[in-house]
Amino acid sequence: MIQHKEIGSIDLRKKIKQKEICFGGNRKLKIYGTLKCRSGKRMKRENRVFFGSENEAKSHGYRPCGHCMKNEYKKWKNGFI
């Protein structure tokens, strides 16, 4: 997990291009989603974190986004509620 405030813009773009970062998340809400998600783009920089895989996000206790990852969110919701 990489916090947005701890990585520079150039390094961030480089890691995304090299597929080292594939998902973004909200540190306070414990939600992860795709990098293109509109909800994710609106969050504050200090709350944003990045993950290399879904498994990494899940291992840190994050749940899928209900906007950009609808199928994964439904599976998560049905498994826990």
PDB file of N, CA and C in Angstrom:
ATOM      1  N   MET A   1       0.855  -1.172   0.000  1.00  0.00           N
ATOM      2  CA  MET A   1       0.000   0.000   0.000  1.00  0.00           C
ATOM      3  C   MET A   1       0.904   1.239   0.000  1.00  0.00           C
ATOM      4  N   ILE A   2       0.607   2.143  -0.902  1.00  0.00           N
ATOM      5  CA  ILE A   2       1.363   3.388  -1.024  1.00  0.00           C
ATOM      6  C   ILE A   2       0.412   4.551  -0.776  1.00  0.00           C
ATOM      7  N   GLN A   3       0.766   5.440   0.124  1.00  0.00           N
ATOM      8  CA  GLN A   3      -0.065   6.612   0.365  1.00  0.00           C
ATOM      9  C   GLN A   3       0.279   7.691  -0.656  1.00  0.00           C
ATOM     10  N   HIS A   4      -0.734   8.377  -1.163  1.00  0.00           N
ATOM     11  CA  HIS A   4      -0.534   9.380  -2.207  1.00  0.00           C
ATOM     12  C   HIS A   4       0.385  10.500  -1.742  1.00  0.00           C
ATOM     13  N   LYS A   5       0.276  10.885  -0.487  1.00  0.00           N
ATOM     14  CA  LYS A   5       1.092  11.987   0.005  1.00  0.00           C
ATOM     15  C   LYS A   5       2.573  11.623   0.124  1.00  0.00           C
ATOM     16  N   GLU A   6       2.893  10.321   0.010  1.00  0.00           N
ATOM     17  CA  GLU A   6       4.272   9.868   0.148  1.00  0.00           C
ATOM     18  C   GLU A   6       4.961   9.589  -1.183  1.00  0.00           C
ATOM     19  N   ILE A   7       4.268   9.813  -2.298  1.00  0.00           N
ATOM     20  CA  ILE A   7       4.849   9.518  -3.610  1.00  0.00           C
ATOM     21  C   ILE A   7       4.703  10.744  -4.514  1.00  0.00           C
ATOM     22  N   GLY A   8       5.738  11.019  -5.282  1.00  0.00           N
ATOM     23  CA  GLY A   8       5.708  12.150  -6.202  1.00  0.00           C
ATOM     24  C   GLY A   8       4.906  11.838  -7.450  1.00  0.00           C
ATOM     25  N   SER A   9       4.504  12.873  -8.163  1.00  0.00           N
ATOM     26  CA  SER A   9       3.678  12.708  -9.364  1.00  0.00           C
ATOM     27  C   SER A   9       4.384  11.895 -10.443  1.00  0.00           C
ATOM     28  N   ILE A  10       5.665  12.131 -10.643  1.00  0.00           N
ATOM     29  CA  ILE A  10       6.408  11.421 -11.679  1.00  0.00           C
ATOM     30  C   ILE A  10       6.517   9.941 -11.332  1.00  0.00           C
ATOM     31  N   ASP A  11       6.855   9.643 -10.078  1.00  0.00           N
ATOM     32  CA  ASP A  11       6.954   8.245  -9.644  1.00  0.00           C
ATOM     33  C   ASP A  11       5.606   7.542  -9.734  1.00  0.00           C
ATOM     34  N   LEU A  12       4.534   8.254  -9.391  1.00  0.00           N
ATOM     35  CA  LEU A  12       3.197   7.684  -9.450  1.00  0.00           C
ATOM     36  C   LEU A  12       2.833   7.310 -10.885  1.00  0.00           C
ATOM     37  N   ARG A  13       3.037   8.222 -11.824  1.00  0.00           N
ATOM     38  CA  ARG A  13       2.744   7.938 -13.235  1.00  0.00           C
ATOM     39  C   ARG A  13       3.569   6.766 -13.746  1.00  0.00           C
ATOM     40  N   LYS A  14       4.821   6.714 -13.339  1.00  0.00           N
ATOM     41  CA  LYS A  14       5.719   5.632 -13.755  1.00  0.00           C
ATOM     42  C   LYS A  14       5.208   4.280 -13.250  1.00  0.00           C
ATOM     43  N   LYS A  15       4.794   4.216 -11.993  1.00  0.00           N
ATOM     44  CA  LYS A  15       4.305   2.961 -11.409  1.00  0.00           C
ATOM     45  C   LYS A  15       2.983   2.529 -12.056  1.00  0.00           C
ATOM     46  N   ILE A  16       2.122   3.486 -12.385  1.00  0.00           N
ATOM     47  CA  ILE A  16       0.865   3.163 -13.055  1.00  0.00           C
ATOM     48  C   ILE A  16       1.146   2.627 -14.461  1.00  0.00           C
ATOM     49  N   LYS A  17       2.051   3.271 -15.172  1.00  0.00           N
ATOM     50  CA  LYS A  17       2.405   2.836 -16.528  1.00  0.00           C
ATOM     51  C   LYS A  17       3.014   1.438 -16.535  1.00  0.00           C
ATOM     52  N   GLN A  18       3.804   1.122 -15.501  1.00  0.00           N
ATOM     53  CA  GLN A  18       4.448  -0.182 -15.402  1.00  0.00           C
ATOM     54  C   GLN A  18       3.546  -1.226 -14.740  1.00  0.00           C
ATOM     55  N   LYS A  19       2.297  -0.865 -14.478  1.00  0.00           N
ATOM     56  CA  LYS A  19       1.293  -1.757 -13.872  1.00  0.00           C
ATOM     57  C   LYS A  19       1.661  -2.201 -12.450  1.00  0.00           C
ATOM     58  N   GLU A  20       2.480  -1.403 -11.754  1.00  0.00           N
ATOM     59  CA  GLU A  20       2.792  -1.682 -10.354  1.00  0.00           C
ATOM     60  C   GLU A  20       1.660  -1.199  -9.454  1.00  0.00           C
ATOM     61  N   ILE A  21       0.905  -0.200  -9.954  1.00  0.00           N
ATOM     62  CA  ILE A  21      -0.268   0.315  -9.247  1.00  0.00           C
ATOM     63  C   ILE A  21      -1.464   0.108 -10.157  1.00  0.00           C
ATOM     64  N   CYS A  22      -2.471  -0.625  -9.660  1.00  0.00           N
ATOM     65  CA  CYS A  22      -3.660  -0.925 -10.474  1.00  0.00           C
ATOM     66  C   CYS A  22      -4.956  -0.439  -9.835  1.00  0.00           C
ATOM     67  N   PHE A  23      -4.946  -0.204  -8.534  1.00  0.00           N
ATOM     68  CA  PHE A  23      -6.156   0.203  -7.814  1.00  0.00           C
ATOM     69  C   PHE A  23      -5.842   1.347  -6.858  1.00  0.00           C
ATOM     70  N   GLY A  24      -6.862   2.168  -6.604  1.00  0.00           N
ATOM     71  CA  GLY A  24      -6.755   3.241  -5.632  1.00  0.00           C
ATOM     72  C   GLY A  24      -7.770   3.025  -4.536  1.00  0.00           C
ATOM     73  N   GLY A  25      -7.531   3.629  -3.390  1.00  0.00           N
ATOM     74  CA  GLY A  25      -8.453   3.454  -2.280  1.00  0.00           C
ATOM     75  C   GLY A  25      -8.543   4.675  -1.399  1.00  0.00           C
ATOM     76  N   ASN A  26      -9.566   4.686  -0.571  1.00  0.00           N
ATOM     77  CA  ASN A  26      -9.766   5.745   0.410  1.00  0.00           C
ATOM     78  C   ASN A  26      -9.378   5.197   1.776  1.00  0.00           C
ATOM     79  N   ARG A  27      -8.346   5.780   2.359  1.00  0.00           N
ATOM     80  CA  ARG A  27      -7.791   5.299   3.620  1.00  0.00           C
ATOM     81  C   ARG A  27      -8.802   5.374   4.760  1.00  0.00           C
ATOM     82  N   LYS A  28      -9.604   6.432   4.812  1.00  0.00           N
ATOM     83  CA  LYS A  28     -10.559   6.601   5.910  1.00  0.00           C
ATOM     84  C   LYS A  28     -11.791   5.718   5.761  1.00  0.00           C
ATOM     85  N   LEU A  29     -12.288   5.569   4.539  1.00  0.00           N
ATOM     86  CA  LEU A  29     -13.500   4.788   4.309  1.00  0.00           C
ATOM     87  C   LEU A  29     -13.226   3.308   4.081  1.00  0.00           C
ATOM     88  N   LYS A  30     -11.956   2.958   3.843  1.00  0.00           N
ATOM     89  CA  LYS A  30     -11.550   1.570   3.591  1.00  0.00           C
ATOM     90  C   LYS A  30     -12.261   1.002   2.358  1.00  0.00           C
ATOM     91  N   ILE A  31     -12.264   1.791   1.259  1.00  0.00           N
ATOM     92  CA  ILE A  31     -12.873   1.382  -0.006  1.00  0.00           C
ATOM     93  C   ILE A  31     -11.798   1.447  -1.084  1.00  0.00           C
ATOM     94  N   TYR A  32     -11.757   0.442  -1.988  1.00  0.00           N
ATOM     95  CA  TYR A  32     -10.822   0.493  -3.103  1.00  0.00           C
ATOM     96  C   TYR A  32     -11.589   0.358  -4.413  1.00  0.00           C
ATOM     97  N   GLY A  33     -10.992   0.887  -5.484  1.00  0.00           N
ATOM     98  CA  GLY A  33     -11.619   0.805  -6.798  1.00  0.00           C
ATOM     99  C   GLY A  33     -10.604   1.027  -7.896  1.00  0.00           C
ATOM    100  N   THR A  34     -11.103   1.120  -9.128  1.00  0.00           N
ATOM    101  CA  THR A  34     -10.223   1.326 -10.273  1.00  0.00           C
ATOM    102  C   THR A  34      -9.668   2.746 -10.247  1.00  0.00           C
ATOM    103  N   LEU A  35      -8.599   2.959 -10.977  1.00  0.00           N
ATOM    104  CA  LEU A  35      -7.980   4.289 -11.021  1.00  0.00           C
ATOM    105  C   LEU A  35      -8.811   5.280 -11.822  1.00  0.00           C
ATOM    106  N   LYS A  36      -9.749   4.785 -12.632  1.00  0.00           N
ATOM    107  CA  LYS A  36     -10.588   5.660 -13.454  1.00  0.00           C
ATOM    108  C   LYS A  36     -11.917   6.021 -12.790  1.00  0.00           C
ATOM    109  N   CYS A  37     -12.158   5.537 -11.603  1.00  0.00           N
ATOM    110  CA  CYS A  37     -13.430   5.764 -10.906  1.00  0.00           C
ATOM    111  C   CYS A  37     -13.628   7.249 -10.594  1.00  0.00           C
ATOM    112  N   ARG A  38     -14.810   7.752 -10.908  1.00  0.00           N
ATOM    113  CA  ARG A  38     -15.114   9.167 -10.643  1.00  0.00           C
ATOM    114  C   ARG A  38     -15.120   9.471  -9.154  1.00  0.00           C
ATOM    115  N   SER A  39     -15.583   8.532  -8.354  1.00  0.00           N
ATOM    116  CA  SER A  39     -15.597   8.742  -6.903  1.00  0.00           C
ATOM    117  C   SER A  39     -14.174   8.846  -6.365  1.00  0.00           C
ATOM    118  N   GLY A  40     -13.302   8.004  -6.883  1.00  0.00           N
ATOM    119  CA  GLY A  40     -11.917   8.004  -6.435  1.00  0.00           C
ATOM    120  C   GLY A  40     -11.168   9.266  -6.816  1.00  0.00           C
ATOM    121  N   LYS A  41     -11.501   9.828  -7.958  1.00  0.00           N
ATOM    122  CA  LYS A  41     -10.830  11.041  -8.408  1.00  0.00           C
ATOM    123  C   LYS A  41     -11.215  12.259  -7.568  1.00  0.00           C
ATOM    124  N   ARG A  42     -12.349  12.201  -6.886  1.00  0.00           N
ATOM    125  CA  ARG A  42     -12.816  13.334  -6.073  1.00  0.00           C
ATOM    126  C   ARG A  42     -12.275  13.326  -4.649  1.00  0.00           C
ATOM    127  N   MET A  43     -11.696  12.234  -4.212  1.00  0.00           N
ATOM    128  CA  MET A  43     -11.266  12.158  -2.812  1.00  0.00           C
ATOM    129  C   MET A  43     -10.038  13.023  -2.558  1.00  0.00           C
ATOM    130  N   LYS A  44      -9.869  13.384  -1.309  1.00  0.00           N
ATOM    131  CA  LYS A  44      -8.731  14.212  -0.917  1.00  0.00           C
ATOM    132  C   LYS A  44      -7.439  13.426  -1.041  1.00  0.00           C
ATOM    133  N   ARG A  45      -6.389  14.114  -1.393  1.00  0.00           N
ATOM    134  CA  ARG A  45      -5.078  13.497  -1.585  1.00  0.00           C
ATOM    135  C   ARG A  45      -4.593  12.788  -0.321  1.00  0.00           C
ATOM    136  N   GLU A  46      -4.827  13.385   0.844  1.00  0.00           N
ATOM    137  CA  GLU A  46      -4.335  12.782   2.094  1.00  0.00           C
ATOM    138  C   GLU A  46      -5.057  11.483   2.450  1.00  0.00           C
ATOM    139  N   ASN A  47      -6.225  11.225   1.842  1.00  0.00           N
ATOM    140  CA  ASN A  47      -6.972   9.986   2.093  1.00  0.00           C
ATOM    141  C   ASN A  47      -6.700   8.909   1.051  1.00  0.00           C
ATOM    142  N   ARG A  48      -6.036   9.262  -0.052  1.00  0.00           N
ATOM    143  CA  ARG A  48      -5.858   8.337  -1.173  1.00  0.00           C
ATOM    144  C   ARG A  48      -4.649   7.417  -0.958  1.00  0.00           C
ATOM    145  N   VAL A  49      -4.871   6.130  -1.242  1.00  0.00           N
ATOM    146  CA  VAL A  49      -3.806   5.126  -1.204  1.00  0.00           C
ATOM    147  C   VAL A  49      -3.862   4.320  -2.499  1.00  0.00           C
ATOM    148  N   PHE A  50      -2.778   3.628  -2.796  1.00  0.00           N
ATOM    149  CA  PHE A  50      -2.703   2.850  -4.031  1.00  0.00           C
ATOM    150  C   PHE A  50      -2.305   1.413  -3.728  1.00  0.00           C
ATOM    151  N   PHE A  51      -2.818   0.489  -4.546  1.00  0.00           N
ATOM    152  CA  PHE A  51      -2.544  -0.938  -4.395  1.00  0.00           C
ATOM    153  C   PHE A  51      -2.114  -1.525  -5.728  1.00  0.00           C
ATOM    154  N   GLY A  52      -1.316  -2.565  -5.661  1.00  0.00           N
ATOM    155  CA  GLY A  52      -0.879  -3.267  -6.862  1.00  0.00           C
ATOM    156  C   GLY A  52      -1.874  -4.313  -7.327  1.00  0.00           C
ATOM    157  N   SER A  53      -2.731  -4.778  -6.411  1.00  0.00           N
ATOM    158  CA  SER A  53      -3.694  -5.819  -6.771  1.00  0.00           C
ATOM    159  C   SER A  53      -4.910  -5.754  -5.849  1.00  0.00           C
ATOM    160  N   GLU A  54      -5.961  -6.443  -6.274  1.00  0.00           N
ATOM    161  CA  GLU A  54      -7.164  -6.537  -5.435  1.00  0.00           C
ATOM    162  C   GLU A  54      -6.855  -7.277  -4.142  1.00  0.00           C
ATOM    163  N   ASN A  55      -6.054  -8.330  -4.246  1.00  0.00           N
ATOM    164  CA  ASN A  55      -5.716  -9.111  -3.050  1.00  0.00           C
ATOM    165  C   ASN A  55      -4.988  -8.265  -2.010  1.00  0.00           C
ATOM    166  N   GLU A  56      -4.127  -7.372  -2.473  1.00  0.00           N
ATOM    167  CA  GLU A  56      -3.420  -6.483  -1.550  1.00  0.00           C
ATOM    168  C   GLU A  56      -4.411  -5.574  -0.827  1.00  0.00           C
ATOM    169  N   ALA A  57      -5.372  -5.022  -1.573  1.00  0.00           N
ATOM    170  CA  ALA A  57      -6.379  -4.143  -0.975  1.00  0.00           C
ATOM    171  C   ALA A  57      -7.221  -4.904   0.049  1.00  0.00           C
ATOM    172  N   LYS A  58      -7.649  -6.103  -0.322  1.00  0.00           N
ATOM    173  CA  LYS A  58      -8.457  -6.923   0.583  1.00  0.00           C
ATOM    174  C   LYS A  58      -7.680  -7.313   1.830  1.00  0.00           C
ATOM    175  N   SER A  59      -6.392  -7.588   1.672  1.00  0.00           N
ATOM    176  CA  SER A  59      -5.582  -7.987   2.826  1.00  0.00           C
ATOM    177  C   SER A  59      -5.401  -6.841   3.822  1.00  0.00           C
ATOM    178  N   HIS A  60      -5.566  -5.604   3.357  1.00  0.00           N
ATOM    179  CA  HIS A  60      -5.500  -4.446   4.244  1.00  0.00           C
ATOM    180  C   HIS A  60      -6.883  -4.075   4.802  1.00  0.00           C
ATOM    181  N   GLY A  61      -7.897  -4.878   4.490  1.00  0.00           N
ATOM    182  CA  GLY A  61      -9.230  -4.654   5.044  1.00  0.00           C
ATOM    183  C   GLY A  61     -10.121  -3.723   4.248  1.00  0.00           C
ATOM    184  N   TYR A  62      -9.809  -3.491   2.977  1.00  0.00           N
ATOM    185  CA  TYR A  62     -10.615  -2.607   2.137  1.00  0.00           C
ATOM    186  C   TYR A  62     -11.694  -3.406   1.414  1.00  0.00           C
ATOM    187  N   ARG A  63     -12.822  -2.732   1.110  1.00  0.00           N
ATOM    188  CA  ARG A  63     -13.910  -3.366   0.379  1.00  0.00           C
ATOM    189  C   ARG A  63     -14.003  -2.743  -1.009  1.00  0.00           C
ATOM    190  N   PRO A  64     -14.626  -3.443  -1.977  1.00  0.00           N
ATOM    191  CA  PRO A  64     -14.755  -2.911  -3.345  1.00  0.00           C
ATOM    192  C   PRO A  64     -15.699  -1.702  -3.412  1.00  0.00           C
ATOM    193  N   CYS A  65     -15.431  -0.829  -4.358  1.00  0.00           N
ATOM    194  CA  CYS A  65     -16.259   0.354  -4.599  1.00  0.00           C
ATOM    195  C   CYS A  65     -17.575  -0.060  -5.247  1.00  0.00           C
ATOM    196  N   GLY A  66     -18.672   0.523  -4.801  1.00  0.00           N
ATOM    197  CA  GLY A  66     -19.981   0.223  -5.353  1.00  0.00           C
ATOM    198  C   GLY A  66     -20.249   0.885  -6.692  1.00  0.00           C
ATOM    199  N   HIS A  67     -19.416   1.840  -7.093  1.00  0.00           N
ATOM    200  CA  HIS A  67     -19.621   2.548  -8.355  1.00  0.00           C
ATOM    201  C   HIS A  67     -18.873   1.883  -9.512  1.00  0.00           C
ATOM    202  N   CYS A  68     -17.584   1.679  -9.355  1.00  0.00           N
ATOM    203  CA  CYS A  68     -16.771   1.181 -10.475  1.00  0.00           C
ATOM    204  C   CYS A  68     -16.566  -0.330 -10.448  1.00  0.00           C
ATOM    205  N   MET A  69     -16.894  -0.984  -9.344  1.00  0.00           N
ATOM    206  CA  MET A  69     -16.694  -2.431  -9.223  1.00  0.00           C
ATOM    207  C   MET A  69     -17.983  -3.081  -8.724  1.00  0.00           C
ATOM    208  N   LYS A  70     -19.058  -2.863  -9.468  1.00  0.00           N
ATOM    209  CA  LYS A  70     -20.390  -3.294  -9.026  1.00  0.00           C
ATOM    210  C   LYS A  70     -20.487  -4.793  -8.734  1.00  0.00           C
ATOM    211  N   ASN A  71     -19.944  -5.630  -9.616  1.00  0.00           N
ATOM    212  CA  ASN A  71     -20.040  -7.081  -9.404  1.00  0.00           C
ATOM    213  C   ASN A  71     -19.280  -7.513  -8.152  1.00  0.00           C
ATOM    214  N   GLU A  72     -18.067  -6.999  -7.980  1.00  0.00           N
ATOM    215  CA  GLU A  72     -17.270  -7.344  -6.800  1.00  0.00           C
ATOM    216  C   GLU A  72     -17.944  -6.832  -5.532  1.00  0.00           C
ATOM    217  N   TYR A  73     -18.540  -5.628  -5.630  1.00  0.00           N
ATOM    218  CA  TYR A  73     -19.236  -5.056  -4.479  1.00  0.00           C
ATOM    219  C   TYR A  73     -20.429  -5.930  -4.075  1.00  0.00           C
ATOM    220  N   LYS A  74     -21.198  -6.397  -5.067  1.00  0.00           N
ATOM    221  CA  LYS A  74     -22.352  -7.255  -4.770  1.00  0.00           C
ATOM    222  C   LYS A  74     -21.919  -8.553  -4.102  1.00  0.00           C
ATOM    223  N   LYS A  75     -20.821  -9.135  -4.606  1.00  0.00           N
ATOM    224  CA  LYS A  75     -20.294 -10.356  -3.984  1.00  0.00           C
ATOM    225  C   LYS A  75     -19.867 -10.085  -2.551  1.00  0.00           C
ATOM    226  N   TRP A  76     -19.183  -8.954  -2.335  1.00  0.00           N
ATOM    227  CA  TRP A  76     -18.740  -8.588  -0.985  1.00  0.00           C
ATOM    228  C   TRP A  76     -19.945  -8.374  -0.064  1.00  0.00           C
ATOM    229  N   LYS A  77     -20.941  -7.655  -0.560  1.00  0.00           N
ATOM    230  CA  LYS A  77     -22.123  -7.338   0.238  1.00  0.00           C
ATOM    231  C   LYS A  77     -22.892  -8.596   0.598  1.00  0.00           C
ATOM    232  N   ASN A  78     -23.078  -9.495  -0.345  1.00  0.00           N
ATOM    233  CA  ASN A  78     -23.801 -10.733  -0.093  1.00  0.00           C
ATOM    234  C   ASN A  78     -23.046 -11.648   0.867  1.00  0.00           C
ATOM    235  N   GLY A  79     -21.749 -11.545   0.879  1.00  0.00           N
ATOM    236  CA  GLY A  79     -20.951 -12.370   1.766  1.00  0.00           C
ATOM    237  C   GLY A  79     -20.910 -11.878   3.190  1.00  0.00           C
ATOM    238  N   PHE A  80     -21.179 -10.588   3.400  1.00  0.00           N
ATOM    239  CA  PHE A  80     -21.045 -10.014   4.739  1.00  0.00           C
ATOM    240  C   PHE A  80     -22.336  -9.518   5.351  1.00  0.00           C
ATOM    241  N   ILE A  81     -23.373  -9.305   4.522  1.00  0.00           N
ATOM    242  CA  ILE A  81     -24.620  -8.748   5.086  1.00  0.00           C
ATOM    243  C   ILE A  81     -25.702  -9.806   5.056  1.00  0.00           C
TER     244      ILE A  81
END
